[in-house]
Amino acid sequence: MKEDKKNIMKEKILIVEDNEEFRKFVEITLGLYNYQIASAKNGKEALALCEESTPDLIVSDISMPEMDGFKFLEIVRSREKGKMIPFLFLTAHTGEAKMRQASLLAVDDYLFKPFKMQELLDIVRVRLDRREAMKSFDTHEAHLQTVLMLANAIETRDAYTRGHVERVRAIALIFGKHLGWEESSLAILEFGAILHDIGKNKISSDILNKKGKLTSEEWMEMREHPETGAKMLQGVDHLKFALPFILYHHEKWDGSGYPYGLKGRNIPIEGRVMALADFYDAVTSNRSYHKKMPKERVLKIIKEESGSHFDPALVEKFLAIAEQLP
């Protein structure tokens, strides 16, 4: 007999919104999918509810009386039980300063009003699934050894990228810490950095080690490695949140990248971060098709490519860690 999933109570979600009509809309939307719902009209009320029972996810407005969303998030993150709770802002604010403030306070995501019901459901599910996946990182070191073994398989076939994985891993972690990413996100970033080129295991060694320019056919094969890598790791539950680093690290801000030609913020943040770390190491290292460039020249290129290859906001932050880079 099949289990009736509709009758199973799912995770507890705390909704914090001062607009009663909108709050009811969110309650009904999530309640239809059997999430347990608690609600409050400001941060002060929400904190009291958190003390009674720790929610699995918080959905909050920013502008509210008595205690706004920023202060509420700050207090939640200051508490031991609140450090790992996924926190989602529903907001009409689109200003860069507001979003920067949210990022500094370690918000997990935000959804701009107005939005479609399915958008809310999708983002809630993704964040709850990610929280569940964090439990698997209790065995982080064991997983790390497996991941390193997989990545090393590439380097045994590609003489010119030997050491690339370790360097990108180090660069990415420096960058992630500078961005204020929490420990669980840094763990995923580390796995993503190590595995970002795993798809190259399926590429011919002749292509990987070719000294001259690739033919159009060879280039087409090379461009397949992000999708190939993602397919290789499908079904590996504790690595699934590393997939965006693998799949999107060759996308470009102006839409000219691959494999999907995504543009701007449609490129997941994981891909935008990995693009910078990967490019920096690739150009500051000797490859079969070019000699390494001086660090200062590479940083200048990254600045010049801001808004075309790279996310302009991330370029600014990447250049701020220049002294820490190898």
C-alpha atoms as a PDB file:
ATOM      1  CA  MET A   1       0.000   0.000   0.000  1.00  0.00           C
ATOM      2  CA  LYS A   2       1.405   3.370  -1.032  1.00  0.00           C
ATOM      3  CA  GLU A   3       1.959   5.986   1.625  1.00  0.00           C
ATOM      4  CA  ASP A   4      -0.384   8.981   1.309  1.00  0.00           C
ATOM      5  CA  LYS A   5       2.092  11.850   1.259  1.00  0.00           C
ATOM      6  CA  LYS A   6      -0.655  14.474   1.393  1.00  0.00           C
ATOM      7  CA  ASN A   7      -1.503  13.420   4.930  1.00  0.00           C
ATOM      8  CA  ILE A   8       2.049  13.743   6.220  1.00  0.00           C
ATOM      9  CA  MET A   9       2.785  16.983   8.099  1.00  0.00           C
ATOM     10  CA  LYS A  10       5.912  18.528   6.670  1.00  0.00           C
ATOM     11  CA  GLU A  11       8.418  20.967   8.172  1.00  0.00           C
ATOM     12  CA  LYS A  12       7.459  23.927  10.351  1.00  0.00           C
ATOM     13  CA  ILE A  13       7.636  27.328   8.662  1.00  0.00           C
ATOM     14  CA  LEU A  14       7.475  30.656  10.508  1.00  0.00           C
ATOM     15  CA  ILE A  15       5.942  33.508   8.478  1.00  0.00           C
ATOM     16  CA  VAL A  16       6.682  37.072   9.631  1.00  0.00           C
ATOM     17  CA  GLU A  17       4.710  39.763   7.801  1.00  0.00           C
ATOM     18  CA  ASP A  18       2.855  42.862   9.028  1.00  0.00           C
ATOM     19  CA  ASN A  19       0.440  42.974   6.073  1.00  0.00           C
ATOM     20  CA  GLU A  20      -2.346  40.665   7.253  1.00  0.00           C
ATOM     21  CA  GLU A  21      -3.781  40.018   3.795  1.00  0.00           C
ATOM     22  CA  PHE A  22      -0.393  39.116   2.348  1.00  0.00           C
ATOM     23  CA  ARG A  23       0.485  37.042   5.415  1.00  0.00           C
ATOM     24  CA  LYS A  24      -2.711  35.029   4.970  1.00  0.00           C
ATOM     25  CA  PHE A  25      -1.865  34.477   1.307  1.00  0.00           C
ATOM     26  CA  VAL A  26       1.538  33.003   2.225  1.00  0.00           C
ATOM     27  CA  GLU A  27      -0.007  30.917   5.029  1.00  0.00           C
ATOM     28  CA  ILE A  28      -2.638  29.440   2.717  1.00  0.00           C
ATOM     29  CA  THR A  29      -0.120  28.829  -0.082  1.00  0.00           C
ATOM     30  CA  LEU A  30       2.270  26.874   2.122  1.00  0.00           C
ATOM     31  CA  GLY A  31      -0.506  25.278   4.160  1.00  0.00           C
ATOM     32  CA  LEU A  32      -1.940  23.668   1.041  1.00  0.00           C
ATOM     33  CA  TYR A  33       1.241  21.590   0.902  1.00  0.00           C
ATOM     34  CA  ASN A  34       0.909  20.442   4.513  1.00  0.00           C
ATOM     35  CA  TYR A  35       3.683  22.580   5.950  1.00  0.00           C
ATOM     36  CA  GLN A  36       3.142  23.392   9.606  1.00  0.00           C
ATOM     37  CA  ILE A  37       2.574  27.138   9.804  1.00  0.00           C
ATOM     38  CA  ALA A  38       3.256  29.654  12.556  1.00  0.00           C
ATOM     39  CA  SER A  39       2.917  33.392  11.909  1.00  0.00           C
ATOM     40  CA  ALA A  40       3.716  36.756  13.434  1.00  0.00           C
ATOM     41  CA  LYS A  41       3.236  40.369  12.365  1.00  0.00           C
ATOM     42  CA  ASN A  42       6.702  41.613  13.389  1.00  0.00           C
ATOM     43  CA  GLY A  43      10.105  40.414  14.520  1.00  0.00           C
ATOM     44  CA  LYS A  44       9.335  40.802  18.212  1.00  0.00           C
ATOM     45  CA  GLU A  45       6.372  38.399  18.020  1.00  0.00           C
ATOM     46  CA  ALA A  46       8.395  36.045  15.841  1.00  0.00           C
ATOM     47  CA  LEU A  47      11.222  35.814  18.378  1.00  0.00           C
ATOM     48  CA  ALA A  48       8.727  34.762  21.047  1.00  0.00           C
ATOM     49  CA  LEU A  49       7.477  31.996  18.753  1.00  0.00           C
ATOM     50  CA  CYS A  50      11.060  30.868  18.086  1.00  0.00           C
ATOM     51  CA  GLU A  51      11.595  30.470  21.822  1.00  0.00           C
ATOM     52  CA  GLU A  52       8.533  28.211  22.057  1.00  0.00           C
ATOM     53  CA  SER A  53       9.526  26.036  19.097  1.00  0.00           C
ATOM     54  CA  THR A  54      12.417  26.246  16.622  1.00  0.00           C
ATOM     55  CA  PRO A  55      11.124  26.519  13.041  1.00  0.00           C
ATOM     56  CA  ASP A  56      12.648  24.614  10.135  1.00  0.00           C
ATOM     57  CA  LEU A  57      12.533  27.720   7.940  1.00  0.00           C
ATOM     58  CA  ILE A  58      11.684  31.410   8.364  1.00  0.00           C
ATOM     59  CA  VAL A  59       9.935  33.537   5.736  1.00  0.00           C
ATOM     60  CA  SER A  60      10.051  37.225   6.672  1.00  0.00           C
ATOM     61  CA  ASP A  61       9.250  40.676   5.355  1.00  0.00           C
ATOM     62  CA  ILE A  62      11.879  43.408   5.842  1.00  0.00           C
ATOM     63  CA  SER A  63       9.855  46.558   6.634  1.00  0.00           C
ATOM     64  CA  MET A  64       7.778  45.892   9.776  1.00  0.00           C
ATOM     65  CA  PRO A  65       6.839  47.863  12.928  1.00  0.00           C
ATOM     66  CA  GLU A  66       8.424  47.221  16.364  1.00  0.00           C
ATOM     67  CA  MET A  67      11.227  45.075  14.901  1.00  0.00           C
ATOM     68  CA  ASP A  68      12.094  44.958  11.187  1.00  0.00           C
ATOM     69  CA  GLY A  69      13.350  41.943   9.292  1.00  0.00           C
ATOM     70  CA  PHE A  70      17.018  42.922   9.466  1.00  0.00           C
ATOM     71  CA  LYS A  71      17.039  43.160  13.259  1.00  0.00           C
ATOM     72  CA  PHE A  72      15.027  39.968  13.526  1.00  0.00           C
ATOM     73  CA  LEU A  73      17.506  38.110  11.292  1.00  0.00           C
ATOM     74  CA  GLU A  74      20.458  39.507  13.249  1.00  0.00           C
ATOM     75  CA  ILE A  75      19.034  38.188  16.539  1.00  0.00           C
ATOM     76  CA  VAL A  76      18.120  34.823  15.039  1.00  0.00           C
ATOM     77  CA  ARG A  77      21.667  34.364  13.726  1.00  0.00           C
ATOM     78  CA  SER A  78      23.156  35.341  17.096  1.00  0.00           C
ATOM     79  CA  ARG A  79      21.470  32.365  18.770  1.00  0.00           C
ATOM     80  CA  GLU A  80      22.917  28.868  18.602  1.00  0.00           C
ATOM     81  CA  LYS A  81      19.682  27.281  17.362  1.00  0.00           C
ATOM     82  CA  GLY A  82      19.217  30.014  14.782  1.00  0.00           C
ATOM     83  CA  LYS A  83      22.538  29.754  12.976  1.00  0.00           C
ATOM     84  CA  MET A  84      21.380  26.953  10.680  1.00  0.00           C
ATOM     85  CA  ILE A  85      17.726  27.944  10.127  1.00  0.00           C
ATOM     86  CA  PRO A  86      17.126  28.792   6.438  1.00  0.00           C
ATOM     87  CA  PHE A  87      15.963  32.426   6.306  1.00  0.00           C
ATOM     88  CA  LEU A  88      14.097  33.842   3.316  1.00  0.00           C
ATOM     89  CA  PHE A  89      13.210  37.508   2.817  1.00  0.00           C
ATOM     90  CA  LEU A  90      10.035  38.390   0.902  1.00  0.00           C
ATOM     91  CA  THR A  91      10.573  42.007  -0.040  1.00  0.00           C
ATOM     92  CA  ALA A  92       9.677  44.845  -2.367  1.00  0.00           C
ATOM     93  CA  HIS A  93      13.170  46.296  -1.893  1.00  0.00           C
ATOM     94  CA  THR A  94      15.553  45.915  -4.826  1.00  0.00           C
ATOM     95  CA  GLY A  95      18.228  48.414  -3.771  1.00  0.00           C
ATOM     96  CA  GLU A  96      21.810  47.140  -3.715  1.00  0.00           C
ATOM     97  CA  ALA A  97      22.398  48.559  -0.210  1.00  0.00           C
ATOM     98  CA  LYS A  98      19.444  46.615   1.176  1.00  0.00           C
ATOM     99  CA  MET A  99      20.568  43.403  -0.473  1.00  0.00           C
ATOM    100  CA  ARG A 100      24.123  43.902   0.760  1.00  0.00           C
ATOM    101  CA  GLN A 101      22.830  44.362   4.292  1.00  0.00           C
ATOM    102  CA  ALA A 102      20.805  41.148   3.965  1.00  0.00           C
ATOM    103  CA  SER A 103      23.865  39.273   2.696  1.00  0.00           C
ATOM    104  CA  LEU A 104      26.032  40.492   5.559  1.00  0.00           C
ATOM    105  CA  LEU A 105      23.444  39.167   7.994  1.00  0.00           C
ATOM    106  CA  ALA A 106      23.594  35.752   6.260  1.00  0.00           C
ATOM    107  CA  VAL A 107      20.143  35.669   4.697  1.00  0.00           C
ATOM    108  CA  ASP A 108      19.806  32.481   2.648  1.00  0.00           C
ATOM    109  CA  ASP A 109      17.676  33.875  -0.150  1.00  0.00           C
ATOM    110  CA  TYR A 110      15.097  36.505  -1.063  1.00  0.00           C
ATOM    111  CA  LEU A 111      12.050  36.700  -3.286  1.00  0.00           C
ATOM    112  CA  PHE A 112      10.852  40.007  -4.684  1.00  0.00           C
ATOM    113  CA  LYS A 113       7.196  40.976  -4.466  1.00  0.00           C
ATOM    114  CA  PRO A 114       5.042  40.392  -6.417  1.00  0.00           C
ATOM    115  CA  PHE A 115       5.843  36.742  -7.101  1.00  0.00           C
ATOM    116  CA  LYS A 116       4.026  33.651  -8.299  1.00  0.00           C
ATOM    117  CA  MET A 117       2.890  30.972  -5.868  1.00  0.00           C
ATOM    118  CA  GLN A 118       5.092  28.361  -7.552  1.00  0.00           C
ATOM    119  CA  GLU A 119       8.168  30.568  -7.110  1.00  0.00           C
ATOM    120  CA  LEU A 120       7.560  30.658  -3.370  1.00  0.00           C
ATOM    121  CA  LEU A 121       6.975  26.903  -3.180  1.00  0.00           C
ATOM    122  CA  ASP A 122      10.110  26.153  -5.192  1.00  0.00           C
ATOM    123  CA  ILE A 123      12.419  28.355  -3.154  1.00  0.00           C
ATOM    124  CA  VAL A 124      11.038  27.055   0.153  1.00  0.00           C
ATOM    125  CA  ARG A 125      11.505  23.448  -0.948  1.00  0.00           C
ATOM    126  CA  VAL A 126      15.060  24.065  -2.163  1.00  0.00           C
ATOM    127  CA  ARG A 127      16.080  25.695   1.112  1.00  0.00           C
ATOM    128  CA  LEU A 128      14.494  22.975   3.243  1.00  0.00           C
ATOM    129  CA  ASP A 129      16.157  20.272   1.166  1.00  0.00           C
ATOM    130  CA  ARG A 130      19.482  22.058   1.548  1.00  0.00           C
ATOM    131  CA  ARG A 131      19.040  22.175   5.334  1.00  0.00           C
ATOM    132  CA  GLU A 132      18.397  18.452   5.355  1.00  0.00           C
ATOM    133  CA  ALA A 133      21.478  17.855   3.260  1.00  0.00           C
ATOM    134  CA  MET A 134      23.605  19.699   5.803  1.00  0.00           C
ATOM    135  CA  LYS A 135      23.171  16.777   8.167  1.00  0.00           C
ATOM    136  CA  SER A 136      25.232  14.645   5.826  1.00  0.00           C
ATOM    137  CA  PHE A 137      28.188  16.999   6.240  1.00  0.00           C
ATOM    138  CA  ASP A 138      28.758  15.652   9.743  1.00  0.00           C
ATOM    139  CA  THR A 139      31.017  13.217   7.920  1.00  0.00           C
ATOM    140  CA  HIS A 140      32.654  16.044   6.003  1.00  0.00           C
ATOM    141  CA  GLU A 141      36.210  14.732   6.169  1.00  0.00           C
ATOM    142  CA  ALA A 142      35.220  11.290   4.890  1.00  0.00           C
ATOM    143  CA  HIS A 143      33.315  12.852   2.006  1.00  0.00           C
ATOM    144  CA  LEU A 144      36.211  15.209   1.347  1.00  0.00           C
ATOM    145  CA  GLN A 145      38.635  12.349   0.864  1.00  0.00           C
ATOM    146  CA  THR A 146      36.292  10.744  -1.677  1.00  0.00           C
ATOM    147  CA  VAL A 147      35.853  14.016  -3.516  1.00  0.00           C
ATOM    148  CA  LEU A 148      39.593  14.629  -3.661  1.00  0.00           C
ATOM    149  CA  MET A 149      40.105  11.148  -5.061  1.00  0.00           C
ATOM    150  CA  LEU A 150      37.610  11.880  -7.841  1.00  0.00           C
ATOM    151  CA  ALA A 151      39.240  15.205  -8.646  1.00  0.00           C
ATOM    152  CA  ASN A 152      42.730  13.735  -8.670  1.00  0.00           C
ATOM    153  CA  ALA A 153      41.610  11.397 -11.418  1.00  0.00           C
ATOM    154  CA  ILE A 154      41.442  14.433 -13.713  1.00  0.00           C
ATOM    155  CA  GLU A 155      44.934  15.596 -12.865  1.00  0.00           C
ATOM    156  CA  THR A 156      46.490  12.223 -13.686  1.00  0.00           C
ATOM    157  CA  ARG A 157      45.173  12.676 -17.229  1.00  0.00           C
ATOM    158  CA  ASP A 158      45.786  16.408 -17.668  1.00  0.00           C
ATOM    159  CA  ALA A 159      49.392  17.347 -16.945  1.00  0.00           C
ATOM    160  CA  TYR A 160      48.747  21.045 -17.466  1.00  0.00           C
ATOM    161  CA  THR A 161      46.092  21.415 -14.771  1.00  0.00           C
ATOM    162  CA  ARG A 162      47.981  19.565 -12.040  1.00  0.00           C
ATOM    163  CA  GLY A 163      47.452  21.494  -8.830  1.00  0.00           C
ATOM    164  CA  HIS A 164      44.549  23.476 -10.345  1.00  0.00           C
ATOM    165  CA  VAL A 165      41.955  21.788  -8.124  1.00  0.00           C
ATOM    166  CA  GLU A 166      43.788  22.539  -4.891  1.00  0.00           C
ATOM    167  CA  ARG A 167      44.477  26.136  -5.894  1.00  0.00           C
ATOM    168  CA  VAL A 168      40.880  26.800  -6.940  1.00  0.00           C
ATOM    169  CA  ARG A 169      39.714  25.219  -3.695  1.00  0.00           C
ATOM    170  CA  ALA A 170      41.951  27.573  -1.684  1.00  0.00           C
ATOM    171  CA  ILE A 171      40.941  30.661  -3.697  1.00  0.00           C
ATOM    172  CA  ALA A 172      37.239  29.827  -3.479  1.00  0.00           C
ATOM    173  CA  LEU A 173      37.372  29.349   0.293  1.00  0.00           C
ATOM    174  CA  ILE A 174      39.163  32.692   0.784  1.00  0.00           C
ATOM    175  CA  PHE A 175      36.504  34.329  -1.385  1.00  0.00           C
ATOM    176  CA  GLY A 176      33.589  32.579   0.310  1.00  0.00           C
ATOM    177  CA  LYS A 177      34.797  33.631   3.758  1.00  0.00           C
ATOM    178  CA  HIS A 178      35.173  37.216   2.532  1.00  0.00           C
ATOM    179  CA  LEU A 179      31.576  37.079   1.270  1.00  0.00           C
ATOM    180  CA  GLY A 180      30.467  36.067   4.764  1.00  0.00           C
ATOM    181  CA  TRP A 181      29.217  32.614   3.835  1.00  0.00           C
ATOM    182  CA  GLU A 182      28.352  30.411   6.802  1.00  0.00           C
ATOM    183  CA  GLU A 183      30.222  27.185   7.558  1.00  0.00           C
ATOM    184  CA  SER A 184      27.701  24.896   5.877  1.00  0.00           C
ATOM    185  CA  SER A 185      27.838  26.963   2.679  1.00  0.00           C
ATOM    186  CA  LEU A 186      31.640  26.957   2.780  1.00  0.00           C
ATOM    187  CA  ALA A 187      31.584  23.159   3.042  1.00  0.00           C
ATOM    188  CA  ILE A 188      29.488  22.972  -0.124  1.00  0.00           C
ATOM    189  CA  LEU A 189      31.716  25.571  -1.797  1.00  0.00           C
ATOM    190  CA  GLU A 190      34.762  23.452  -0.993  1.00  0.00           C
ATOM    191  CA  PHE A 191      33.232  20.366  -2.601  1.00  0.00           C
ATOM    192  CA  GLY A 192      32.077  22.407  -5.596  1.00  0.00           C
ATOM    193  CA  ALA A 193      35.551  23.878  -6.108  1.00  0.00           C
ATOM    194  CA  ILE A 194      37.209  20.465  -5.955  1.00  0.00           C
ATOM    195  CA  LEU A 195      34.703  18.938  -8.372  1.00  0.00           C
ATOM    196  CA  HIS A 196      34.095  21.859 -10.755  1.00  0.00           C
ATOM    197  CA  ASP A 197      36.026  20.178 -13.597  1.00  0.00           C
ATOM    198  CA  ILE A 198      35.059  16.564 -12.836  1.00  0.00           C
ATOM    199  CA  GLY A 199      33.382  16.307 -16.256  1.00  0.00           C
ATOM    200  CA  LYS A 200      36.816  16.486 -17.894  1.00  0.00           C
ATOM    201  CA  ASN A 201      37.253  12.837 -16.938  1.00  0.00           C
ATOM    202  CA  LYS A 202      35.140  12.047 -20.006  1.00  0.00           C
ATOM    203  CA  ILE A 203      37.235  14.168 -22.366  1.00  0.00           C
ATOM    204  CA  SER A 204      39.995  12.652 -24.500  1.00  0.00           C
ATOM    205  CA  SER A 205      43.501  13.012 -23.050  1.00  0.00           C
ATOM    206  CA  ASP A 206      44.673  14.199 -26.460  1.00  0.00           C
ATOM    207  CA  ILE A 207      42.315  17.164 -26.199  1.00  0.00           C
ATOM    208  CA  LEU A 208      43.173  17.893 -22.568  1.00  0.00           C
ATOM    209  CA  ASN A 209      46.902  17.944 -23.296  1.00  0.00           C
ATOM    210  CA  LYS A 210      46.838  19.498 -26.757  1.00  0.00           C
ATOM    211  CA  LYS A 211      49.372  22.326 -27.073  1.00  0.00           C
ATOM    212  CA  GLY A 212      47.859  23.992 -30.102  1.00  0.00           C
ATOM    213  CA  LYS A 213      44.468  25.562 -30.700  1.00  0.00           C
ATOM    214  CA  LEU A 214      41.493  23.204 -30.450  1.00  0.00           C
ATOM    215  CA  THR A 215      39.479  22.436 -33.577  1.00  0.00           C
ATOM    216  CA  SER A 216      35.778  23.319 -33.554  1.00  0.00           C
ATOM    217  CA  GLU A 217      34.909  19.670 -32.898  1.00  0.00           C
ATOM    218  CA  GLU A 218      37.405  19.437 -30.032  1.00  0.00           C
ATOM    219  CA  TRP A 219      36.118  22.689 -28.569  1.00  0.00           C
ATOM    220  CA  MET A 220      32.553  21.372 -28.682  1.00  0.00           C
ATOM    221  CA  GLU A 221      33.669  18.310 -26.723  1.00  0.00           C
ATOM    222  CA  MET A 222      35.486  20.473 -24.184  1.00  0.00           C
ATOM    223  CA  ARG A 223      32.400  22.658 -23.683  1.00  0.00           C
ATOM    224  CA  GLU A 224      30.401  19.611 -22.637  1.00  0.00           C
ATOM    225  CA  HIS A 225      32.345  19.069 -19.411  1.00  0.00           C
ATOM    226  CA  PRO A 226      30.044  21.096 -17.074  1.00  0.00           C
ATOM    227  CA  GLU A 227      26.953  19.097 -18.065  1.00  0.00           C
ATOM    228  CA  THR A 228      28.935  15.853 -18.106  1.00  0.00           C
ATOM    229  CA  GLY A 229      30.208  16.535 -14.595  1.00  0.00           C
ATOM    230  CA  ALA A 230      26.719  17.278 -13.292  1.00  0.00           C
ATOM    231  CA  LYS A 231      25.410  14.037 -14.806  1.00  0.00           C
ATOM    232  CA  MET A 232      28.254  12.058 -13.236  1.00  0.00           C
ATOM    233  CA  LEU A 233      27.217  13.179  -9.754  1.00  0.00           C
ATOM    234  CA  GLN A 234      23.448  12.874 -10.129  1.00  0.00           C
ATOM    235  CA  GLY A 235      22.059  10.590  -7.463  1.00  0.00           C
ATOM    236  CA  VAL A 236      24.907  11.294  -5.011  1.00  0.00           C
ATOM    237  CA  ASP A 237      22.754  12.929  -2.344  1.00  0.00           C
ATOM    238  CA  HIS A 238      25.463  14.507  -0.218  1.00  0.00           C
ATOM    239  CA  LEU A 239      27.004  16.198  -3.282  1.00  0.00           C
ATOM    240  CA  LYS A 240      23.885  17.458  -5.042  1.00  0.00           C
ATOM    241  CA  PHE A 241      24.233  20.989  -3.661  1.00  0.00           C
ATOM    242  CA  ALA A 242      27.712  21.202  -5.202  1.00  0.00           C
ATOM    243  CA  LEU A 243      26.218  20.728  -8.683  1.00  0.00           C
ATOM    244  CA  PRO A 244      25.674  24.469  -9.455  1.00  0.00           C
ATOM    245  CA  PHE A 245      29.427  25.096  -9.060  1.00  0.00           C
ATOM    246  CA  ILE A 246      30.072  22.379 -11.635  1.00  0.00           C
ATOM    247  CA  LEU A 247      27.289  23.210 -14.047  1.00  0.00           C
ATOM    248  CA  TYR A 248      27.485  27.021 -14.231  1.00  0.00           C
ATOM    249  CA  HIS A 249      31.140  28.018 -13.763  1.00  0.00           C
ATOM    250  CA  HIS A 250      31.568  28.794 -17.479  1.00  0.00           C
ATOM    251  CA  GLU A 251      28.457  30.966 -17.769  1.00  0.00           C
ATOM    252  CA  LYS A 252      29.159  34.675 -18.334  1.00  0.00           C
ATOM    253  CA  TRP A 253      27.377  37.740 -16.985  1.00  0.00           C
ATOM    254  CA  ASP A 254      26.566  39.004 -20.503  1.00  0.00           C
ATOM    255  CA  GLY A 255      25.049  35.671 -21.584  1.00  0.00           C
ATOM    256  CA  SER A 256      27.908  34.589 -23.876  1.00  0.00           C
ATOM    257  CA  GLY A 257      29.011  31.644 -21.729  1.00  0.00           C
ATOM    258  CA  TYR A 258      28.092  27.962 -21.748  1.00  0.00           C
ATOM    259  CA  PRO A 259      26.437  25.460 -21.455  1.00  0.00           C
ATOM    260  CA  TYR A 260      23.143  27.425 -21.333  1.00  0.00           C
ATOM    261  CA  GLY A 261      24.044  31.027 -22.140  1.00  0.00           C
ATOM    262  CA  LEU A 262      22.519  32.267 -18.888  1.00  0.00           C
ATOM    263  CA  LYS A 263      22.734  35.997 -18.216  1.00  0.00           C
ATOM    264  CA  GLY A 264      23.191  38.201 -15.153  1.00  0.00           C
ATOM    265  CA  ARG A 265      21.494  37.056 -11.964  1.00  0.00           C
ATOM    266  CA  ASN A 266      19.920  34.163 -13.829  1.00  0.00           C
ATOM    267  CA  ILE A 267      23.311  32.538 -13.317  1.00  0.00           C
ATOM    268  CA  PRO A 268      23.232  30.943  -9.848  1.00  0.00           C
ATOM    269  CA  ILE A 269      25.554  32.617  -7.356  1.00  0.00           C
ATOM    270  CA  GLU A 270      27.588  29.396  -7.140  1.00  0.00           C
ATOM    271  CA  GLY A 271      28.493  29.673 -10.824  1.00  0.00           C
ATOM    272  CA  ARG A 272      29.337  33.371 -10.584  1.00  0.00           C
ATOM    273  CA  VAL A 273      31.665  32.777  -7.637  1.00  0.00           C
ATOM    274  CA  MET A 274      33.359  29.760  -9.208  1.00  0.00           C
ATOM    275  CA  ALA A 275      33.860  31.614 -12.504  1.00  0.00           C
ATOM    276  CA  LEU A 276      36.148  34.107 -10.774  1.00  0.00           C
ATOM    277  CA  ALA A 277      38.144  31.544  -8.787  1.00  0.00           C
ATOM    278  CA  ASP A 278      38.553  29.249 -11.820  1.00  0.00           C
ATOM    279  CA  PHE A 279      39.532  32.054 -14.209  1.00  0.00           C
ATOM    280  CA  TYR A 280      42.049  33.570 -11.805  1.00  0.00           C
ATOM    281  CA  ASP A 281      43.922  30.319 -11.327  1.00  0.00           C
ATOM    282  CA  ALA A 282      43.709  29.292 -14.982  1.00  0.00           C
ATOM    283  CA  VAL A 283      45.301  32.537 -16.171  1.00  0.00           C
ATOM    284  CA  THR A 284      47.931  32.776 -13.419  1.00  0.00           C
ATOM    285  CA  SER A 285      49.063  29.194 -14.172  1.00  0.00           C
ATOM    286  CA  ASN A 286      50.913  27.648 -17.108  1.00  0.00           C
ATOM    287  CA  ARG A 287      48.609  25.780 -19.493  1.00  0.00           C
ATOM    288  CA  SER A 288      49.180  23.885 -22.713  1.00  0.00           C
ATOM    289  CA  TYR A 289      47.795  26.816 -24.693  1.00  0.00           C
ATOM    290  CA  HIS A 290      49.280  29.796 -22.798  1.00  0.00           C
ATOM    291  CA  LYS A 291      51.965  30.856 -20.345  1.00  0.00           C
ATOM    292  CA  LYS A 292      50.935  32.188 -16.977  1.00  0.00           C
ATOM    293  CA  MET A 293      50.314  35.911 -16.598  1.00  0.00           C
ATOM    294  CA  PRO A 294      51.459  38.113 -13.714  1.00  0.00           C
ATOM    295  CA  LYS A 295      48.939  38.461 -10.902  1.00  0.00           C
ATOM    296  CA  GLU A 296      48.563  42.220 -11.441  1.00  0.00           C
ATOM    297  CA  ARG A 297      47.736  41.719 -15.138  1.00  0.00           C
ATOM    298  CA  VAL A 298      45.129  39.055 -14.335  1.00  0.00           C
ATOM    299  CA  LEU A 299      43.420  41.262 -11.754  1.00  0.00           C
ATOM    300  CA  LYS A 300      43.315  44.059 -14.337  1.00  0.00           C
ATOM    301  CA  ILE A 301      41.670  41.702 -16.863  1.00  0.00           C
ATOM    302  CA  ILE A 302      39.076  40.657 -14.267  1.00  0.00           C
ATOM    303  CA  LYS A 303      38.284  44.325 -13.616  1.00  0.00           C
ATOM    304  CA  GLU A 304      37.987  44.974 -17.364  1.00  0.00           C
ATOM    305  CA  GLU A 305      35.673  41.954 -17.735  1.00  0.00           C
ATOM    306  CA  SER A 306      33.357  43.182 -14.963  1.00  0.00           C
ATOM    307  CA  GLY A 307      29.840  43.324 -16.403  1.00  0.00           C
ATOM    308  CA  SER A 308      30.713  41.149 -19.399  1.00  0.00           C
ATOM    309  CA  HIS A 309      32.345  37.942 -18.146  1.00  0.00           C
ATOM    310  CA  PHE A 310      31.869  38.469 -14.424  1.00  0.00           C
ATOM    311  CA  ASP A 311      29.249  39.700 -11.942  1.00  0.00           C
ATOM    312  CA  PRO A 312      30.246  43.359 -11.262  1.00  0.00           C
ATOM    313  CA  ALA A 313      29.345  43.184  -7.559  1.00  0.00           C
ATOM    314  CA  LEU A 314      31.420  40.034  -7.098  1.00  0.00           C
ATOM    315  CA  VAL A 315      34.366  41.482  -9.032  1.00  0.00           C
ATOM    316  CA  GLU A 316      34.536  44.347  -6.551  1.00  0.00           C
ATOM    317  CA  LYS A 317      34.612  41.886  -3.662  1.00  0.00           C
ATOM    318  CA  PHE A 318      37.129  39.611  -5.398  1.00  0.00           C
ATOM    319  CA  LEU A 319      39.540  42.475  -5.994  1.00  0.00           C
ATOM    320  CA  ALA A 320      39.278  43.307  -2.287  1.00  0.00           C
ATOM    321  CA  ILE A 321      40.975  39.972  -1.438  1.00  0.00           C
ATOM    322  CA  ALA A 322      43.810  40.480  -3.953  1.00  0.00           C
ATOM    323  CA  GLU A 323      46.512  40.485  -1.278  1.00  0.00           C
ATOM    324  CA  GLN A 324      45.342  37.081   0.002  1.00  0.00           C
ATOM    325  CA  LEU A 325      45.458  35.449  -3.425  1.00  0.00           C
ATOM    326  CA  PRO A 326      48.478  33.330  -4.482  1.00  0.00           C
END
